[in-house]
Each structure stands twice: as structure tokens, then as C-alpha cells.
Amino acid sequence: MATALLDAFEVTGKRAYFDCALELVETTIRRFGDEERGGFFDTASDRGARQGALTMSRKSFQDSPTPSANSVAVMVLDRLAHLADRPDFAQKSQATLDLFAHKAGEFGLFAASFALALAGHLRNPTQIVVIGPRQDERTSRLLKAAYASPRAGKRVLCFDPATVTGRDLPGGLAATLPHLSYDGRPLALVCEGATCRAPVETPDALAALLGSN
């Protein structure tokens, strides 16, 4: 659910989706996290009485039939660590990776989500931020160019100009995105970690910028 909320935030630029994702992850850490060893249990620490196998708490790691909960948790924590400027989330992500690293090789294909989570954790995320009125065709063309880029692991975010100029952004984005003097023309920025390249205004310029990195 947190993954879906962050995806919705990236597509719509609506802060409410981000805030809900942040609240959900903080609840997950509080109720399902293992503070001593890292990782997340599949039952809440404040659960009531259970019977049979339901009394046992496990930490999901194997992708079968869906991506493992702990691997997904790492990916969500790393996304929020960057977007919200929350280094404590990055630390919890690292602790979860450390917990399962010694056994990942035993699971082969069924540890694919863990491998993706590890790759995303070790490299700075590439963010393509498109700023412009959504009804403007120039904004749509910039978005199409951003989505068409073959850059693995990229994140594409779209914001209305008022959101950016008013700084109504999560802490990490507010610190990363420059204070732009918006003149009405849609533009796109490519950011790596906490650094952004100069904005561009055309799909060709955006494609060239992504291809040069």
C-alpha cells in the first residue's frame, strides 16, 4: 500500500498521497519492526491472542508468489529516506538488508526482490522532475520523454508550478529542488541524489541529458 501511495504521489504530485505513505510506514515500523535485529515481522507486536500457527511471527524473505514483504519494505524505506530527508529510514533499510544478506544466495530467483532492493539502496536514485500545468501539451511531451528513458530505477515526478514555487514539498525534495523562477514554460530537471542538473524545456534536450549521464 505504501508503494502504491508513493507511486500516486509521483504521478499526481498531490502531497496527501505522500503524507499517507509516510504515516503508514511509521505505523509499520512501530507495530511490525524488529528494533534489535532489523527487518519486519508478519504479525504486529500489539496483536491479541492467537491460536495454532498464528502465534508464530516470521520475517518474509522469499518471493513466492509475490515480492517478499521485507524486500518491499527496503525499497519503500529508501524512497522515503530520500523524499522525506529521513536518514533513520535509510538506517532501517540497511539493517534489513544486513539481516538477510547471508542467506540471499540460497534463494536464487526467489530473492529477486532482495536484489532489486539492494541495487536501489547502493546507488543514488535518478529523479526526473517535470514542472508545468498538466493541461499543457508541452508538459505532456516532457513526461512522455521522461517515461521513455531506459534508465533503470528512475523515478518520474510531476508537479504543478505552484507546488514547487510555494515549496509545498516533502523535506528531501524541498532541499534538493532549486528555487526556480517559473516563467510559465514547462521544464524538467534531472536530479541524482541531492544534486540537480540545469532545467531543460524540450523532450530532445531531456533525452540528451539522460543519455549523457
N, C-alpha and C. Protein backbone atom coordinates (compact mmCIF):
# COMPACT_ATOMS: atom_id res chain seq x y z
N MET A 1 0.82 -1.20 0.00
CA MET A 1 0.00 0.00 0.00
C MET A 1 0.86 1.26 0.00
N ALA A 2 1.92 1.23 0.79
CA ALA A 2 2.83 2.39 0.82
C ALA A 2 3.47 2.61 -0.53
N THR A 3 3.82 1.52 -1.22
CA THR A 3 4.38 1.64 -2.56
C THR A 3 3.38 2.30 -3.50
N ALA A 4 2.12 1.87 -3.44
CA ALA A 4 1.09 2.44 -4.30
C ALA A 4 0.88 3.92 -4.00
N LEU A 5 0.92 4.29 -2.73
CA LEU A 5 0.74 5.69 -2.36
C LEU A 5 1.89 6.56 -2.88
N LEU A 6 3.11 6.05 -2.80
CA LEU A 6 4.25 6.81 -3.33
C LEU A 6 4.18 6.91 -4.84
N ASP A 7 3.73 5.85 -5.50
CA ASP A 7 3.54 5.91 -6.95
C ASP A 7 2.51 6.99 -7.30
N ALA A 8 1.42 7.02 -6.54
CA ALA A 8 0.38 8.02 -6.79
C ALA A 8 0.91 9.43 -6.57
N PHE A 9 1.76 9.60 -5.57
CA PHE A 9 2.37 10.92 -5.33
C PHE A 9 3.24 11.33 -6.51
N GLU A 10 4.03 10.41 -7.04
CA GLU A 10 4.89 10.74 -8.17
C GLU A 10 4.07 11.14 -9.40
N VAL A 11 2.98 10.44 -9.64
CA VAL A 11 2.18 10.69 -10.84
C VAL A 11 1.36 11.97 -10.72
N THR A 12 0.79 12.20 -9.55
CA THR A 12 -0.13 13.33 -9.39
C THR A 12 0.50 14.56 -8.76
N GLY A 13 1.57 14.36 -8.00
CA GLY A 13 2.16 15.48 -7.28
C GLY A 13 1.36 15.93 -6.08
N LYS A 14 0.34 15.16 -5.68
CA LYS A 14 -0.51 15.55 -4.56
C LYS A 14 0.12 15.10 -3.24
N ARG A 15 0.33 16.06 -2.38
CA ARG A 15 1.03 15.83 -1.12
C ARG A 15 0.30 14.82 -0.22
N ALA A 16 -1.03 14.75 -0.32
CA ALA A 16 -1.79 13.86 0.55
C ALA A 16 -1.34 12.41 0.40
N TYR A 17 -1.00 11.99 -0.82
CA TYR A 17 -0.54 10.61 -1.03
C TYR A 17 0.78 10.37 -0.30
N PHE A 18 1.67 11.33 -0.38
CA PHE A 18 2.95 11.20 0.32
C PHE A 18 2.74 11.13 1.82
N ASP A 19 1.92 12.01 2.36
CA ASP A 19 1.70 12.05 3.80
C ASP A 19 1.10 10.73 4.30
N CYS A 20 0.18 10.15 3.52
CA CYS A 20 -0.40 8.86 3.91
C CYS A 20 0.64 7.75 3.89
N ALA A 21 1.52 7.77 2.88
CA ALA A 21 2.58 6.76 2.81
C ALA A 21 3.51 6.87 4.00
N LEU A 22 3.87 8.09 4.35
CA LEU A 22 4.77 8.31 5.48
C LEU A 22 4.14 7.81 6.78
N GLU A 23 2.88 8.14 6.99
CA GLU A 23 2.18 7.70 8.19
C GLU A 23 2.10 6.17 8.25
N LEU A 24 1.81 5.54 7.10
CA LEU A 24 1.69 4.09 7.06
C LEU A 24 3.01 3.41 7.38
N VAL A 25 4.11 3.94 6.85
CA VAL A 25 5.42 3.34 7.12
C VAL A 25 5.82 3.54 8.58
N GLU A 26 5.54 4.68 9.13
CA GLU A 26 5.85 4.89 10.55
C GLU A 26 5.05 3.92 11.43
N THR A 27 3.80 3.65 11.04
CA THR A 27 2.99 2.66 11.77
C THR A 27 3.57 1.27 11.61
N THR A 28 4.01 0.95 10.40
CA THR A 28 4.61 -0.36 10.14
C THR A 28 5.86 -0.57 10.98
N ILE A 29 6.70 0.44 11.07
CA ILE A 29 7.92 0.34 11.88
C ILE A 29 7.56 0.11 13.35
N ARG A 30 6.59 0.85 13.82
CA ARG A 30 6.21 0.76 15.24
C ARG A 30 5.59 -0.59 15.58
N ARG A 31 4.76 -1.12 14.69
CA ARG A 31 3.98 -2.33 15.03
C ARG A 31 4.62 -3.63 14.53
N PHE A 32 5.42 -3.55 13.46
CA PHE A 32 5.96 -4.78 12.88
C PHE A 32 7.48 -4.85 12.86
N GLY A 33 8.16 -3.74 13.13
CA GLY A 33 9.61 -3.71 13.05
C GLY A 33 10.30 -4.41 14.21
N ASP A 34 11.48 -4.95 13.91
CA ASP A 34 12.33 -5.58 14.93
C ASP A 34 13.47 -4.62 15.22
N GLU A 35 13.38 -3.92 16.33
CA GLU A 35 14.37 -2.91 16.66
C GLU A 35 15.73 -3.51 16.98
N GLU A 36 15.77 -4.74 17.46
CA GLU A 36 17.04 -5.34 17.87
C GLU A 36 17.83 -5.89 16.70
N ARG A 37 17.19 -6.64 15.81
CA ARG A 37 17.91 -7.33 14.73
C ARG A 37 17.63 -6.77 13.34
N GLY A 38 16.63 -5.92 13.20
CA GLY A 38 16.27 -5.40 11.90
C GLY A 38 15.22 -6.26 11.23
N GLY A 39 14.64 -5.74 10.17
CA GLY A 39 13.62 -6.47 9.44
C GLY A 39 12.24 -6.28 10.05
N PHE A 40 11.26 -6.94 9.43
CA PHE A 40 9.87 -6.78 9.83
C PHE A 40 9.19 -8.14 9.95
N PHE A 41 8.42 -8.29 11.02
CA PHE A 41 7.63 -9.49 11.24
C PHE A 41 6.32 -9.42 10.45
N ASP A 42 5.70 -10.58 10.27
CA ASP A 42 4.42 -10.62 9.56
C ASP A 42 3.23 -10.52 10.50
N THR A 43 3.48 -10.34 11.78
CA THR A 43 2.42 -10.12 12.76
C THR A 43 2.81 -8.93 13.62
N ALA A 44 1.81 -8.20 14.06
CA ALA A 44 2.05 -6.98 14.83
C ALA A 44 2.47 -7.30 16.26
N SER A 45 3.29 -6.46 16.82
CA SER A 45 3.76 -6.66 18.20
C SER A 45 2.63 -6.46 19.20
N ASP A 46 1.60 -5.72 18.84
CA ASP A 46 0.49 -5.47 19.76
C ASP A 46 -0.73 -6.32 19.43
N ARG A 47 -0.50 -7.44 18.73
CA ARG A 47 -1.62 -8.31 18.37
C ARG A 47 -2.21 -8.95 19.62
N GLY A 48 -3.45 -9.36 19.52
CA GLY A 48 -4.09 -10.05 20.62
C GLY A 48 -3.75 -11.52 20.60
N ALA A 49 -4.46 -12.29 21.38
CA ALA A 49 -4.22 -13.73 21.47
C ALA A 49 -4.53 -14.42 20.15
N ARG A 50 -3.65 -15.36 19.76
CA ARG A 50 -3.85 -16.12 18.53
C ARG A 50 -3.73 -17.61 18.83
N GLN A 51 -4.19 -18.42 17.90
CA GLN A 51 -4.13 -19.86 18.10
C GLN A 51 -3.30 -20.52 17.01
N GLY A 52 -2.74 -21.70 17.32
CA GLY A 52 -2.04 -22.51 16.33
C GLY A 52 -0.85 -21.78 15.74
N ALA A 53 -0.70 -21.93 14.41
CA ALA A 53 0.45 -21.35 13.71
C ALA A 53 0.44 -19.83 13.75
N LEU A 54 -0.71 -19.24 14.02
CA LEU A 54 -0.80 -17.78 14.04
C LEU A 54 -0.07 -17.17 15.23
N THR A 55 0.35 -18.01 16.18
CA THR A 55 1.13 -17.50 17.31
C THR A 55 2.58 -17.25 16.92
N MET A 56 3.00 -17.77 15.76
CA MET A 56 4.40 -17.64 15.32
C MET A 56 4.58 -16.39 14.48
N SER A 57 5.64 -15.66 14.73
CA SER A 57 5.99 -14.49 13.94
C SER A 57 7.13 -14.82 12.99
N ARG A 58 6.97 -14.48 11.74
CA ARG A 58 8.01 -14.75 10.74
C ARG A 58 8.41 -13.45 10.05
N LYS A 59 9.58 -13.50 9.43
CA LYS A 59 10.05 -12.38 8.61
C LYS A 59 10.12 -12.85 7.17
N SER A 60 9.19 -12.39 6.36
CA SER A 60 9.09 -12.84 4.98
C SER A 60 10.30 -12.41 4.18
N PHE A 61 10.88 -13.38 3.44
CA PHE A 61 12.03 -13.06 2.58
C PHE A 61 11.88 -13.61 1.17
N GLN A 62 11.24 -14.74 1.02
CA GLN A 62 11.15 -15.40 -0.28
C GLN A 62 10.05 -14.79 -1.14
N ASP A 63 10.37 -14.57 -2.42
CA ASP A 63 9.38 -14.10 -3.38
C ASP A 63 8.54 -15.27 -3.87
N SER A 64 7.45 -15.53 -3.22
CA SER A 64 6.59 -16.63 -3.65
C SER A 64 5.24 -16.52 -2.95
N PRO A 65 4.18 -16.18 -3.72
CA PRO A 65 4.16 -15.86 -5.15
C PRO A 65 4.33 -14.37 -5.43
N THR A 66 4.42 -13.57 -4.38
CA THR A 66 4.57 -12.12 -4.54
C THR A 66 5.90 -11.66 -3.97
N PRO A 67 6.36 -10.46 -4.30
CA PRO A 67 7.61 -9.95 -3.72
C PRO A 67 7.57 -10.00 -2.19
N SER A 68 8.67 -10.38 -1.59
CA SER A 68 8.70 -10.54 -0.13
C SER A 68 8.46 -9.20 0.56
N ALA A 69 7.78 -9.27 1.69
CA ALA A 69 7.44 -8.06 2.42
C ALA A 69 8.68 -7.29 2.86
N ASN A 70 9.72 -7.99 3.30
CA ASN A 70 10.91 -7.29 3.78
C ASN A 70 11.67 -6.60 2.64
N SER A 71 11.71 -7.23 1.48
CA SER A 71 12.37 -6.59 0.34
C SER A 71 11.60 -5.35 -0.10
N VAL A 72 10.28 -5.44 -0.13
CA VAL A 72 9.46 -4.28 -0.47
C VAL A 72 9.64 -3.19 0.58
N ALA A 73 9.74 -3.59 1.84
CA ALA A 73 9.95 -2.60 2.91
C ALA A 73 11.24 -1.82 2.69
N VAL A 74 12.31 -2.51 2.27
CA VAL A 74 13.57 -1.83 1.99
C VAL A 74 13.39 -0.78 0.89
N MET A 75 12.70 -1.16 -0.18
CA MET A 75 12.50 -0.23 -1.30
C MET A 75 11.68 0.99 -0.88
N VAL A 76 10.65 0.76 -0.08
CA VAL A 76 9.83 1.88 0.38
C VAL A 76 10.61 2.77 1.34
N LEU A 77 11.34 2.17 2.25
CA LEU A 77 12.14 2.95 3.20
C LEU A 77 13.16 3.82 2.48
N ASP A 78 13.80 3.28 1.45
CA ASP A 78 14.80 4.06 0.73
C ASP A 78 14.15 5.20 -0.06
N ARG A 79 12.97 4.95 -0.63
CA ARG A 79 12.27 6.03 -1.33
C ARG A 79 11.92 7.16 -0.36
N LEU A 80 11.41 6.79 0.79
CA LEU A 80 11.02 7.80 1.78
C LEU A 80 12.24 8.47 2.41
N ALA A 81 13.32 7.72 2.58
CA ALA A 81 14.53 8.32 3.14
C ALA A 81 14.98 9.50 2.29
N HIS A 82 14.86 9.34 0.97
CA HIS A 82 15.27 10.41 0.05
C HIS A 82 14.22 11.51 -0.03
N LEU A 83 12.97 11.12 -0.22
CA LEU A 83 11.91 12.12 -0.40
C LEU A 83 11.68 12.94 0.87
N ALA A 84 11.72 12.29 2.02
CA ALA A 84 11.39 12.95 3.28
C ALA A 84 12.62 13.45 4.04
N ASP A 85 13.82 13.17 3.50
CA ASP A 85 15.06 13.51 4.20
C ASP A 85 15.05 12.87 5.59
N ARG A 86 14.90 11.52 5.58
CA ARG A 86 14.84 10.75 6.82
C ARG A 86 15.97 9.73 6.85
N PRO A 87 17.14 10.11 7.34
CA PRO A 87 18.25 9.16 7.42
C PRO A 87 17.95 7.96 8.31
N ASP A 88 17.03 8.11 9.26
CA ASP A 88 16.67 6.96 10.10
C ASP A 88 16.01 5.86 9.27
N PHE A 89 15.29 6.24 8.22
CA PHE A 89 14.70 5.24 7.34
C PHE A 89 15.78 4.50 6.56
N ALA A 90 16.80 5.22 6.12
CA ALA A 90 17.91 4.58 5.42
C ALA A 90 18.64 3.60 6.34
N GLN A 91 18.75 3.95 7.61
CA GLN A 91 19.40 3.04 8.57
C GLN A 91 18.58 1.77 8.77
N LYS A 92 17.26 1.89 8.81
CA LYS A 92 16.41 0.71 8.96
C LYS A 92 16.45 -0.14 7.69
N SER A 93 16.55 0.51 6.56
CA SER A 93 16.70 -0.22 5.30
C SER A 93 18.00 -1.01 5.30
N GLN A 94 19.09 -0.40 5.74
CA GLN A 94 20.38 -1.07 5.80
C GLN A 94 20.34 -2.25 6.77
N ALA A 95 19.70 -2.06 7.91
CA ALA A 95 19.61 -3.14 8.90
C ALA A 95 18.83 -4.33 8.35
N THR A 96 17.80 -4.07 7.56
CA THR A 96 17.01 -5.15 6.97
C THR A 96 17.83 -5.89 5.92
N LEU A 97 18.56 -5.16 5.10
CA LEU A 97 19.43 -5.80 4.11
C LEU A 97 20.50 -6.65 4.79
N ASP A 98 21.10 -6.12 5.84
CA ASP A 98 22.13 -6.86 6.56
C ASP A 98 21.59 -8.16 7.14
N LEU A 99 20.35 -8.13 7.61
CA LEU A 99 19.77 -9.29 8.25
C LEU A 99 19.66 -10.48 7.29
N PHE A 100 19.32 -10.20 6.02
CA PHE A 100 19.06 -11.27 5.06
C PHE A 100 20.21 -11.53 4.08
N ALA A 101 21.24 -10.71 4.13
CA ALA A 101 22.31 -10.81 3.12
C ALA A 101 22.96 -12.18 3.09
N HIS A 102 23.15 -12.80 4.25
CA HIS A 102 23.89 -14.06 4.31
C HIS A 102 23.12 -15.22 3.69
N LYS A 103 21.80 -15.08 3.55
CA LYS A 103 21.03 -16.19 3.03
C LYS A 103 20.48 -15.94 1.62
N ALA A 104 20.70 -14.76 1.07
CA ALA A 104 20.10 -14.42 -0.22
C ALA A 104 20.53 -15.38 -1.32
N GLY A 105 21.80 -15.76 -1.32
CA GLY A 105 22.31 -16.65 -2.37
C GLY A 105 21.63 -17.99 -2.41
N GLU A 106 21.07 -18.42 -1.29
CA GLU A 106 20.40 -19.72 -1.23
C GLU A 106 19.06 -19.74 -1.94
N PHE A 107 18.48 -18.56 -2.17
CA PHE A 107 17.13 -18.50 -2.71
C PHE A 107 17.08 -18.27 -4.22
N GLY A 108 18.22 -17.94 -4.83
CA GLY A 108 18.26 -17.79 -6.27
C GLY A 108 17.21 -16.83 -6.80
N LEU A 109 16.41 -17.29 -7.77
CA LEU A 109 15.37 -16.47 -8.39
C LEU A 109 14.39 -15.91 -7.37
N PHE A 110 14.17 -16.64 -6.30
CA PHE A 110 13.19 -16.23 -5.31
C PHE A 110 13.70 -15.14 -4.37
N ALA A 111 14.91 -14.64 -4.64
CA ALA A 111 15.44 -13.48 -3.92
C ALA A 111 15.59 -12.29 -4.87
N ALA A 112 14.85 -12.32 -5.98
CA ALA A 112 14.98 -11.25 -6.98
C ALA A 112 14.61 -9.89 -6.40
N SER A 113 13.56 -9.83 -5.58
CA SER A 113 13.16 -8.54 -4.98
C SER A 113 14.24 -8.01 -4.05
N PHE A 114 14.91 -8.93 -3.35
CA PHE A 114 16.01 -8.52 -2.48
C PHE A 114 17.14 -7.90 -3.31
N ALA A 115 17.44 -8.52 -4.46
CA ALA A 115 18.50 -7.98 -5.33
C ALA A 115 18.13 -6.59 -5.84
N LEU A 116 16.88 -6.39 -6.22
CA LEU A 116 16.43 -5.07 -6.68
C LEU A 116 16.51 -4.06 -5.55
N ALA A 117 16.11 -4.48 -4.36
CA ALA A 117 16.17 -3.58 -3.21
C ALA A 117 17.61 -3.19 -2.89
N LEU A 118 18.51 -4.16 -2.98
CA LEU A 118 19.93 -3.89 -2.70
C LEU A 118 20.51 -2.93 -3.73
N ALA A 119 20.19 -3.15 -5.00
CA ALA A 119 20.70 -2.26 -6.06
C ALA A 119 20.20 -0.84 -5.86
N GLY A 120 18.92 -0.72 -5.51
CA GLY A 120 18.37 0.61 -5.29
C GLY A 120 18.97 1.29 -4.07
N HIS A 121 19.34 0.51 -3.07
CA HIS A 121 19.91 1.07 -1.85
C HIS A 121 21.34 1.57 -2.07
N LEU A 122 22.08 0.91 -2.94
CA LEU A 122 23.50 1.22 -3.10
C LEU A 122 23.80 2.38 -4.05
N ARG A 123 22.83 2.77 -4.86
CA ARG A 123 23.10 3.84 -5.81
C ARG A 123 22.14 5.00 -5.61
N ASN A 124 22.62 6.20 -5.92
CA ASN A 124 21.77 7.37 -5.81
C ASN A 124 20.61 7.27 -6.79
N PRO A 125 19.40 7.58 -6.35
CA PRO A 125 18.26 7.50 -7.28
C PRO A 125 18.30 8.60 -8.32
N THR A 126 17.88 8.27 -9.53
CA THR A 126 17.72 9.26 -10.58
C THR A 126 16.27 9.73 -10.56
N GLN A 127 16.08 11.01 -10.33
CA GLN A 127 14.74 11.58 -10.32
C GLN A 127 14.59 12.55 -11.48
N ILE A 128 13.54 12.37 -12.25
CA ILE A 128 13.20 13.31 -13.31
C ILE A 128 11.97 14.06 -12.84
N VAL A 129 12.12 15.35 -12.63
CA VAL A 129 11.04 16.17 -12.10
C VAL A 129 10.53 17.09 -13.21
N VAL A 130 9.28 16.90 -13.58
CA VAL A 130 8.64 17.71 -14.61
C VAL A 130 7.73 18.71 -13.92
N ILE A 131 7.88 19.98 -14.27
CA ILE A 131 7.11 21.06 -13.66
C ILE A 131 6.37 21.80 -14.75
N GLY A 132 5.05 21.86 -14.62
CA GLY A 132 4.25 22.56 -15.61
C GLY A 132 2.78 22.27 -15.45
N PRO A 133 1.92 23.09 -16.01
CA PRO A 133 0.48 22.83 -15.95
C PRO A 133 0.15 21.50 -16.62
N ARG A 134 -0.68 20.70 -16.00
CA ARG A 134 -0.94 19.37 -16.54
C ARG A 134 -1.73 19.41 -17.84
N GLN A 135 -2.47 20.46 -18.06
CA GLN A 135 -3.23 20.55 -19.30
C GLN A 135 -2.39 21.07 -20.47
N ASP A 136 -1.16 21.46 -20.19
CA ASP A 136 -0.27 21.99 -21.22
C ASP A 136 0.35 20.83 -22.00
N GLU A 137 0.25 20.85 -23.32
CA GLU A 137 0.80 19.79 -24.15
C GLU A 137 2.31 19.68 -24.00
N ARG A 138 2.97 20.79 -23.73
CA ARG A 138 4.43 20.75 -23.55
C ARG A 138 4.80 19.95 -22.30
N THR A 139 3.98 20.05 -21.26
CA THR A 139 4.20 19.23 -20.06
C THR A 139 4.06 17.76 -20.40
N SER A 140 3.02 17.43 -21.17
CA SER A 140 2.79 16.03 -21.56
C SER A 140 3.95 15.48 -22.36
N ARG A 141 4.52 16.28 -23.25
CA ARG A 141 5.64 15.80 -24.06
C ARG A 141 6.88 15.56 -23.21
N LEU A 142 7.11 16.43 -22.23
CA LEU A 142 8.24 16.21 -21.33
C LEU A 142 8.05 14.94 -20.51
N LEU A 143 6.83 14.70 -20.06
CA LEU A 143 6.56 13.49 -19.29
C LEU A 143 6.77 12.24 -20.14
N LYS A 144 6.32 12.27 -21.39
CA LYS A 144 6.50 11.12 -22.27
C LYS A 144 7.98 10.82 -22.47
N ALA A 145 8.80 11.88 -22.63
CA ALA A 145 10.24 11.69 -22.80
C ALA A 145 10.86 11.12 -21.53
N ALA A 146 10.37 11.56 -20.38
CA ALA A 146 10.90 11.06 -19.11
C ALA A 146 10.56 9.58 -18.93
N TYR A 147 9.33 9.21 -19.20
CA TYR A 147 8.92 7.81 -19.05
C TYR A 147 9.61 6.91 -20.08
N ALA A 148 9.93 7.46 -21.25
CA ALA A 148 10.54 6.65 -22.31
C ALA A 148 12.00 6.36 -22.07
N SER A 149 12.63 7.09 -21.16
CA SER A 149 14.05 6.86 -20.89
C SER A 149 14.27 5.45 -20.36
N PRO A 150 15.28 4.73 -20.86
CA PRO A 150 15.54 3.37 -20.39
C PRO A 150 16.32 3.31 -19.07
N ARG A 151 16.51 4.43 -18.41
CA ARG A 151 17.29 4.46 -17.17
C ARG A 151 16.65 3.57 -16.12
N ALA A 152 17.36 2.56 -15.67
CA ALA A 152 16.83 1.62 -14.68
C ALA A 152 16.67 2.30 -13.33
N GLY A 153 15.56 2.05 -12.69
CA GLY A 153 15.34 2.57 -11.35
C GLY A 153 14.98 4.04 -11.27
N LYS A 154 14.73 4.68 -12.40
CA LYS A 154 14.42 6.11 -12.37
C LYS A 154 13.06 6.35 -11.73
N ARG A 155 12.88 7.55 -11.22
CA ARG A 155 11.61 7.99 -10.69
C ARG A 155 11.20 9.26 -11.41
N VAL A 156 9.95 9.29 -11.88
CA VAL A 156 9.44 10.46 -12.59
C VAL A 156 8.38 11.11 -11.72
N LEU A 157 8.57 12.37 -11.41
CA LEU A 157 7.61 13.13 -10.61
C LEU A 157 7.10 14.31 -11.41
N CYS A 158 5.84 14.64 -11.23
CA CYS A 158 5.24 15.77 -11.95
C CYS A 158 4.55 16.67 -10.94
N PHE A 159 4.86 17.98 -11.02
CA PHE A 159 4.27 18.94 -10.10
C PHE A 159 3.72 20.14 -10.85
N ASP A 160 2.64 20.68 -10.32
CA ASP A 160 2.15 21.96 -10.81
C ASP A 160 3.14 23.04 -10.36
N PRO A 161 3.29 24.09 -11.13
CA PRO A 161 4.25 25.15 -10.76
C PRO A 161 4.03 25.71 -9.36
N ALA A 162 2.77 25.88 -8.96
CA ALA A 162 2.50 26.49 -7.65
C ALA A 162 3.03 25.62 -6.51
N THR A 163 3.04 24.31 -6.71
CA THR A 163 3.54 23.41 -5.67
C THR A 163 5.03 23.63 -5.44
N VAL A 164 5.78 23.83 -6.53
CA VAL A 164 7.22 24.00 -6.43
C VAL A 164 7.59 25.39 -5.96
N THR A 165 6.97 26.41 -6.55
CA THR A 165 7.31 27.78 -6.15
C THR A 165 6.85 28.07 -4.73
N GLY A 166 5.78 27.40 -4.29
CA GLY A 166 5.31 27.57 -2.92
C GLY A 166 6.01 26.67 -1.94
N ARG A 167 6.91 25.80 -2.43
CA ARG A 167 7.71 24.89 -1.61
C ARG A 167 6.83 23.94 -0.79
N ASP A 168 5.67 23.57 -1.36
CA ASP A 168 4.79 22.61 -0.69
C ASP A 168 5.26 21.20 -1.04
N LEU A 169 6.47 20.88 -0.59
CA LEU A 169 7.14 19.64 -0.96
C LEU A 169 7.63 18.90 0.27
N PRO A 170 7.77 17.57 0.20
CA PRO A 170 8.42 16.84 1.28
C PRO A 170 9.84 17.37 1.51
N GLY A 171 10.36 17.15 2.72
CA GLY A 171 11.64 17.75 3.10
C GLY A 171 12.79 17.47 2.16
N GLY A 172 12.91 16.22 1.69
CA GLY A 172 14.02 15.89 0.81
C GLY A 172 13.94 16.60 -0.52
N LEU A 173 12.74 16.68 -1.10
CA LEU A 173 12.58 17.38 -2.37
C LEU A 173 12.76 18.88 -2.21
N ALA A 174 12.26 19.42 -1.12
CA ALA A 174 12.41 20.86 -0.88
C ALA A 174 13.88 21.25 -0.78
N ALA A 175 14.69 20.35 -0.21
CA ALA A 175 16.12 20.64 -0.08
C ALA A 175 16.86 20.42 -1.38
N THR A 176 16.33 19.55 -2.24
CA THR A 176 17.04 19.21 -3.48
C THR A 176 16.70 20.13 -4.63
N LEU A 177 15.40 20.38 -4.84
CA LEU A 177 14.99 21.19 -5.98
C LEU A 177 15.40 22.65 -5.77
N PRO A 178 15.98 23.26 -6.79
CA PRO A 178 16.38 24.66 -6.65
C PRO A 178 15.16 25.57 -6.57
N HIS A 179 15.38 26.77 -6.06
CA HIS A 179 14.32 27.79 -6.05
C HIS A 179 14.22 28.37 -7.47
N LEU A 180 13.22 27.90 -8.20
CA LEU A 180 13.10 28.28 -9.59
C LEU A 180 12.23 29.52 -9.75
N SER A 181 12.61 30.35 -10.68
CA SER A 181 11.79 31.50 -11.08
C SER A 181 10.98 31.06 -12.28
N TYR A 182 9.79 30.57 -12.03
CA TYR A 182 8.99 29.95 -13.08
C TYR A 182 8.34 31.02 -13.94
N ASP A 183 8.56 30.93 -15.28
CA ASP A 183 8.02 31.93 -16.20
C ASP A 183 6.86 31.42 -17.05
N GLY A 184 6.31 30.27 -16.69
CA GLY A 184 5.16 29.75 -17.42
C GLY A 184 5.47 28.65 -18.40
N ARG A 185 6.75 28.45 -18.72
CA ARG A 185 7.12 27.40 -19.66
C ARG A 185 7.43 26.12 -18.90
N PRO A 186 6.79 25.00 -19.26
CA PRO A 186 7.09 23.74 -18.60
C PRO A 186 8.57 23.39 -18.72
N LEU A 187 9.10 22.76 -17.71
CA LEU A 187 10.52 22.39 -17.71
C LEU A 187 10.72 21.08 -16.98
N ALA A 188 11.90 20.51 -17.14
CA ALA A 188 12.24 19.24 -16.50
C ALA A 188 13.64 19.33 -15.92
N LEU A 189 13.82 18.69 -14.77
CA LEU A 189 15.13 18.62 -14.13
C LEU A 189 15.49 17.16 -13.90
N VAL A 190 16.76 16.86 -14.03
CA VAL A 190 17.27 15.53 -13.73
C VAL A 190 18.14 15.66 -12.48
N CYS A 191 17.76 14.92 -11.45
CA CYS A 191 18.46 15.01 -10.18
C CYS A 191 19.06 13.66 -9.82
N GLU A 192 20.29 13.68 -9.34
CA GLU A 192 20.97 12.48 -8.85
C GLU A 192 21.31 12.73 -7.38
N GLY A 193 20.71 11.92 -6.50
CA GLY A 193 20.94 12.16 -5.09
C GLY A 193 20.40 13.52 -4.71
N ALA A 194 21.27 14.40 -4.20
CA ALA A 194 20.86 15.73 -3.77
C ALA A 194 21.29 16.81 -4.75
N THR A 195 21.66 16.42 -5.97
CA THR A 195 22.15 17.39 -6.96
C THR A 195 21.27 17.34 -8.20
N CYS A 196 20.90 18.52 -8.71
CA CYS A 196 20.07 18.61 -9.92
C CYS A 196 20.84 19.31 -11.03
N ARG A 197 20.66 18.81 -12.25
CA ARG A 197 21.21 19.49 -13.42
C ARG A 197 20.33 20.67 -13.78
N ALA A 198 20.87 21.55 -14.63
CA ALA A 198 20.11 22.73 -15.06
C ALA A 198 18.83 22.29 -15.77
N PRO A 199 17.72 23.01 -15.58
CA PRO A 199 16.46 22.59 -16.19
C PRO A 199 16.50 22.70 -17.72
N VAL A 200 15.72 21.83 -18.36
CA VAL A 200 15.58 21.85 -19.82
C VAL A 200 14.10 21.98 -20.14
N GLU A 201 13.80 22.39 -21.40
CA GLU A 201 12.42 22.70 -21.75
C GLU A 201 11.87 21.86 -22.89
N THR A 202 12.69 21.04 -23.52
CA THR A 202 12.21 20.25 -24.65
C THR A 202 12.47 18.76 -24.42
N PRO A 203 11.65 17.90 -25.03
CA PRO A 203 11.88 16.47 -24.90
C PRO A 203 13.24 16.04 -25.42
N ASP A 204 13.70 16.63 -26.51
CA ASP A 204 15.01 16.27 -27.07
C ASP A 204 16.13 16.62 -26.08
N ALA A 205 16.03 17.79 -25.47
CA ALA A 205 17.05 18.20 -24.51
C ALA A 205 17.04 17.28 -23.29
N LEU A 206 15.85 16.86 -22.88
CA LEU A 206 15.75 15.95 -21.73
C LEU A 206 16.34 14.59 -22.07
N ALA A 207 16.03 14.07 -23.26
CA ALA A 207 16.58 12.79 -23.67
C ALA A 207 18.09 12.85 -23.76
N ALA A 208 18.64 13.95 -24.28
CA ALA A 208 20.08 14.11 -24.38
C ALA A 208 20.72 14.16 -22.99
N LEU A 209 20.06 14.84 -22.07
CA LEU A 209 20.60 14.95 -20.71
C LEU A 209 20.61 13.59 -20.03
N LEU A 210 19.56 12.82 -20.20
CA LEU A 210 19.51 11.48 -19.61
C LEU A 210 20.51 10.54 -20.25
N GLY A 211 20.74 10.73 -21.53
CA GLY A 211 21.70 9.87 -22.24
C GLY A 211 23.13 10.20 -21.91
N SER A 212 23.39 11.42 -21.43
CA SER A 212 24.77 11.82 -21.14
C SER A 212 25.22 11.42 -19.76
N ASN A 213 24.28 11.02 -18.89
CA ASN A 213 24.63 10.66 -17.51
C ASN A 213 25.08 9.22 -17.42
